[in-house]
Amino acid sequence: MTMATVIILVLALYLLQIFLQETSRFGFNVSGIVGNRDNPPELSVVAGRLDRAKNNLSESLPIFVALALLALIKDGDMGKEVPAALVFFIARLLYVPAYVSGIPMLRSLIWLVGVGSLVMMALPLIGLDL
């Protein structure tokens, strides 16, 4: 898999999370989001969790994209950053159902894997290979 592919997968996941968060507010009824949404309904528990999961990805997305682009510039698709980026994607993919399910500690453990993968992406960029 290439770094460009992983970047596109992470961005597609972000778009999916935006869609899920917006449609969950309206009970997953797509017709509810096509209006002007001047008076959106109050968030349900699931909609609130989807919103927080999306916001969490919004916070780490700039770091991921910066590291991924730096890796492409430095190593192309030959570096150790690509597997770490794939781990980030998988962790973020698993994070959504973990957050929505409300299983204690699961969300936090998956989040730690995602943060760890960002560290693993950064280390080769500064000359530290583990």
Protein backbone atom coordinates (compact mmCIF):
# COMPACT_ATOMS: atom_id res chain seq x y z
CA MET A 1 0.00 0.00 0.00
CA THR A 2 1.26 3.49 -0.76
CA MET A 3 1.28 6.53 1.50
CA ALA A 4 -1.01 8.33 -0.93
CA THR A 5 -3.53 5.50 -0.59
CA VAL A 6 -3.43 5.67 3.20
CA ILE A 7 -3.87 9.45 3.12
CA ILE A 8 -6.93 9.06 0.87
CA LEU A 9 -8.35 6.34 3.15
CA VAL A 10 -7.97 8.56 6.22
CA LEU A 11 -9.59 11.49 4.43
CA ALA A 12 -12.44 9.24 3.25
CA LEU A 13 -12.92 8.08 6.85
CA TYR A 14 -13.12 11.72 7.93
CA LEU A 15 -15.82 12.41 5.33
CA LEU A 16 -17.70 9.30 6.45
CA GLN A 17 -17.54 10.49 10.06
CA ILE A 18 -18.91 13.90 9.06
CA PHE A 19 -21.77 12.18 7.23
CA LEU A 20 -22.50 9.82 10.14
CA GLN A 21 -22.42 12.62 12.67
CA GLU A 22 -24.74 14.84 10.66
CA THR A 23 -27.22 12.12 9.76
CA SER A 24 -27.25 10.70 13.30
CA ARG A 25 -28.55 14.04 14.54
CA PHE A 26 -31.63 13.45 12.39
CA GLY A 27 -32.05 9.77 13.28
CA PHE A 28 -30.02 8.67 10.23
CA ASN A 29 -32.70 10.16 7.99
CA VAL A 30 -30.81 11.77 5.10
CA SER A 31 -33.79 13.94 4.24
CA GLY A 32 -33.28 15.73 7.55
CA ILE A 33 -29.92 17.13 6.53
CA VAL A 34 -30.88 18.53 3.14
CA GLY A 35 -32.72 21.50 4.63
CA ASN A 36 -31.23 24.63 6.11
CA ARG A 37 -30.82 23.05 9.57
CA ASP A 38 -31.66 26.30 11.34
CA ASN A 39 -33.16 24.41 14.28
CA PRO A 40 -31.35 21.07 14.53
CA PRO A 41 -32.68 18.59 17.06
CA GLU A 42 -30.81 17.95 20.29
CA LEU A 43 -28.07 15.35 20.00
CA SER A 44 -28.93 11.82 21.05
CA VAL A 45 -26.32 9.83 22.97
CA VAL A 46 -25.13 8.15 19.76
CA ALA A 47 -25.11 11.42 17.81
CA GLY A 48 -23.09 13.06 20.59
CA ARG A 49 -20.55 10.24 20.58
CA LEU A 50 -20.27 10.37 16.78
CA ASP A 51 -19.76 14.13 17.01
CA ARG A 52 -16.99 13.75 19.60
CA ALA A 53 -15.34 10.96 17.59
CA LYS A 54 -15.36 13.20 14.50
CA ASN A 55 -13.95 16.11 16.49
CA ASN A 56 -11.20 13.87 17.82
CA LEU A 57 -10.18 12.91 14.30
CA SER A 58 -10.30 16.61 13.35
CA GLU A 59 -7.68 17.25 16.04
CA SER A 60 -5.25 14.55 14.88
CA LEU A 61 -5.84 14.86 11.14
CA PRO A 62 -3.49 17.84 10.56
CA ILE A 63 -0.69 16.01 12.41
CA PHE A 64 -1.26 12.86 10.37
CA VAL A 65 -1.36 14.69 7.04
CA ALA A 66 1.78 16.69 7.87
CA LEU A 67 3.72 13.57 8.86
CA ALA A 68 2.44 11.63 5.84
CA LEU A 69 3.42 14.40 3.42
CA LEU A 70 6.83 14.77 5.04
CA ALA A 71 7.33 11.01 4.69
CA LEU A 72 6.38 11.17 1.01
CA ILE A 73 8.88 13.96 0.43
CA LYS A 74 11.65 12.22 2.36
CA ASP A 75 11.24 8.55 1.51
CA GLY A 76 8.50 8.24 -1.07
CA ASP A 77 6.70 4.99 -0.30
CA MET A 78 9.80 3.14 0.87
CA GLY A 79 9.97 4.30 4.48
CA LYS A 80 8.74 2.85 7.74
CA GLU A 81 6.15 5.60 7.91
CA VAL A 82 3.74 3.81 5.55
CA PRO A 83 3.02 0.86 7.90
CA ALA A 84 2.66 3.31 10.80
CA ALA A 85 0.22 5.39 8.73
CA LEU A 86 -1.78 2.26 7.98
CA VAL A 87 -1.93 1.49 11.72
CA PHE A 88 -3.22 5.05 12.25
CA PHE A 89 -5.97 4.47 9.69
CA ILE A 90 -7.00 1.14 11.21
CA ALA A 91 -6.98 2.60 14.73
CA ARG A 92 -9.12 5.55 13.62
CA LEU A 93 -11.47 3.18 11.80
CA LEU A 94 -11.90 1.08 14.96
CA TYR A 95 -12.18 4.18 17.13
CA VAL A 96 -15.60 5.11 15.76
CA PRO A 97 -17.49 1.94 16.76
CA ALA A 98 -15.50 1.77 19.99
CA TYR A 99 -16.58 5.29 20.91
CA VAL A 100 -20.20 4.75 19.88
CA SER A 101 -20.43 1.46 21.79
CA GLY A 102 -19.40 3.12 25.04
CA ILE A 103 -17.28 0.16 26.15
CA PRO A 104 -15.09 1.50 28.97
CA MET A 105 -11.37 1.79 28.19
CA LEU A 106 -11.68 0.42 24.64
CA ARG A 107 -11.92 3.86 23.05
CA SER A 108 -8.94 5.10 25.05
CA LEU A 109 -6.78 2.08 24.17
CA ILE A 110 -7.54 2.46 20.47
CA TRP A 111 -6.80 6.19 20.73
CA LEU A 112 -3.41 5.37 22.28
CA VAL A 113 -2.63 3.07 19.35
CA GLY A 114 -3.47 5.93 16.97
CA VAL A 115 -1.24 8.38 18.85
CA GLY A 116 1.52 5.78 19.01
CA SER A 117 1.32 5.35 15.25
CA LEU A 118 1.82 9.10 14.82
CA VAL A 119 4.95 8.84 16.97
CA MET A 120 6.11 5.89 14.85
CA MET A 121 5.58 8.01 11.74
CA ALA A 122 7.58 10.89 13.21
CA LEU A 123 10.61 9.00 14.52
CA PRO A 124 12.11 8.02 11.14
CA LEU A 125 11.59 11.57 9.93
CA ILE A 126 13.96 12.84 12.60
CA GLY A 127 16.45 10.02 12.17
CA LEU A 128 15.33 7.78 15.04
CA ASP A 129 14.50 4.27 13.89
CA LEU A 130 13.26 1.77 16.42
